[in-house]
Structures are given as structure tokens and as C-alpha cells.
Amino acid sequence: MEKTLLIGDHILVSKFTYGIHIPNIIPFLNIKLFDDIVLFQKTPEHDDIIVFRYPKNESRDFIKRVIGLPGDLLEIRQQKVYINE
């Protein structure tokens, strides 16, 4: 069985693990200054846990485990996930 987070569990999150995003917009004027810049960029790896804002309601956070990366083949058979098999 995979490790899982349960209701009531606490986690510590680093917002800088995958890079530091440099703001490119002046907030109150909504003027874009330049293209996105990310310093110290790192890509997620298998089994990393990531936290991101829910796209349809940005006041909610989603916590998910990375199971597939670009180029991986994922299959679900009998309620089990198979990666590159």
C-alpha cells in the first residue's frame, strides 16, 4: 500500500522546491513587465508530493502525489496503477 495523507494529518510545504517565480506583473496596475522567470528550476520526480491551487477555486489547495511524468505509460487495471509495464 502507498503512503497516504489522512484527514487531520499535518504537512510542511516548501514553495521554493521547484523554483522561485519572479513576479512579472504590477498588481494594482495589471501591467505585464516581462515573460515569466523561474530561478533554480527543478522538475517534479516520481513519488513527489505537490501542492497547488485548485484551478476552479483558487482558495482551495490540492495535494497530489506525482505518479507519471512526460513519456511514462500509465495503465489502470483492476483498480491498480501500472507505470511503464
Protein backbone atom coordinates (compact mmCIF):
# COMPACT_ATOMS: atom_id res chain seq x y z
CA MET A 1 0.00 0.00 0.00
CA GLU A 2 1.21 3.53 -0.82
CA LYS A 3 1.79 6.03 1.93
CA THR A 4 -1.18 8.35 2.15
CA LEU A 5 -2.27 11.51 3.91
CA LEU A 6 -5.31 11.22 6.12
CA ILE A 7 -7.77 13.85 7.30
CA GLY A 8 -6.19 15.64 10.25
CA ASP A 9 -2.61 14.98 9.12
CA HIS A 10 -0.26 17.95 9.04
CA ILE A 11 2.36 18.62 6.38
CA LEU A 12 5.12 21.17 5.93
CA VAL A 13 5.28 22.66 2.44
CA SER A 14 8.15 24.48 0.74
CA LYS A 15 7.05 26.85 -2.01
CA PHE A 16 10.60 27.02 -3.35
CA THR A 17 11.34 23.35 -4.11
CA TYR A 18 10.64 23.65 -7.83
CA GLY A 19 11.96 27.19 -8.26
CA ILE A 20 11.41 30.80 -7.35
CA HIS A 21 8.95 32.66 -9.58
CA ILE A 22 9.79 36.31 -10.16
CA PRO A 23 6.61 38.43 -10.30
CA ASN A 24 6.16 39.85 -13.79
CA ILE A 25 3.04 41.97 -13.25
CA ILE A 26 2.48 45.17 -11.28
CA PRO A 27 -0.54 44.00 -9.22
CA PHE A 28 -2.56 47.21 -8.88
CA LEU A 29 -1.98 48.28 -12.50
CA ASN A 30 -2.14 44.79 -14.04
CA ILE A 31 0.78 45.65 -16.33
CA LYS A 32 2.94 42.77 -17.53
CA LEU A 33 6.62 43.72 -17.38
CA PHE A 34 8.32 40.68 -18.94
CA ASP A 35 7.90 36.95 -19.60
CA ASP A 36 7.83 34.50 -16.68
CA ILE A 37 11.18 33.98 -14.97
CA VAL A 38 11.87 30.98 -12.73
CA LEU A 39 15.16 30.73 -10.84
CA PHE A 40 16.66 27.40 -9.71
CA GLN A 41 14.06 25.44 -11.69
CA LYS A 42 13.66 21.74 -10.81
CA THR A 43 11.14 19.34 -12.32
CA PRO A 44 8.98 17.02 -10.20
CA GLU A 45 10.04 13.37 -9.88
CA HIS A 46 8.10 10.14 -9.27
CA ASP A 47 6.51 9.98 -5.79
CA ASP A 48 6.98 13.70 -5.09
CA ILE A 49 4.05 15.27 -3.29
CA ILE A 50 2.96 18.55 -4.81
CA VAL A 51 0.58 21.24 -3.56
CA PHE A 52 -1.19 23.55 -5.98
CA ARG A 53 -4.21 25.82 -6.15
CA TYR A 54 -7.40 24.19 -7.41
CA PRO A 55 -7.98 25.82 -10.85
CA LYS A 56 -11.75 26.27 -10.41
CA ASN A 57 -11.47 27.69 -6.86
CA GLU A 58 -8.10 29.25 -6.06
CA SER A 59 -8.92 29.47 -2.34
CA ARG A 60 -8.53 25.66 -2.16
CA ASP A 61 -5.24 23.77 -2.21
CA PHE A 62 -4.85 20.34 -3.80
CA ILE A 63 -2.27 17.86 -2.52
CA LYS A 64 -1.31 15.14 -5.00
CA ARG A 65 1.44 12.55 -5.50
CA VAL A 66 3.30 12.51 -8.83
CA ILE A 67 2.86 9.06 -10.39
CA GLY A 68 3.62 9.81 -14.02
CA LEU A 69 5.99 12.04 -15.92
CA PRO A 70 6.12 13.00 -19.61
CA GLY A 71 6.93 9.87 -21.60
CA ASP A 72 5.60 7.44 -18.97
CA LEU A 73 2.88 4.94 -19.90
CA LEU A 74 0.20 4.68 -17.19
CA GLU A 75 -2.35 1.88 -17.11
CA ILE A 76 -5.12 1.19 -14.62
CA ARG A 77 -6.08 -2.47 -14.38
CA GLN A 78 -8.33 -3.87 -11.67
CA GLN A 79 -8.09 -0.61 -9.70
CA LYS A 80 -4.24 -0.71 -9.66
CA VAL A 81 -1.95 1.75 -11.42
CA TYR A 82 0.88 0.33 -13.53
CA ILE A 83 3.70 2.58 -14.70
CA ASN A 84 5.83 1.65 -17.75
CA GLU A 85 4.91 -2.05 -17.69
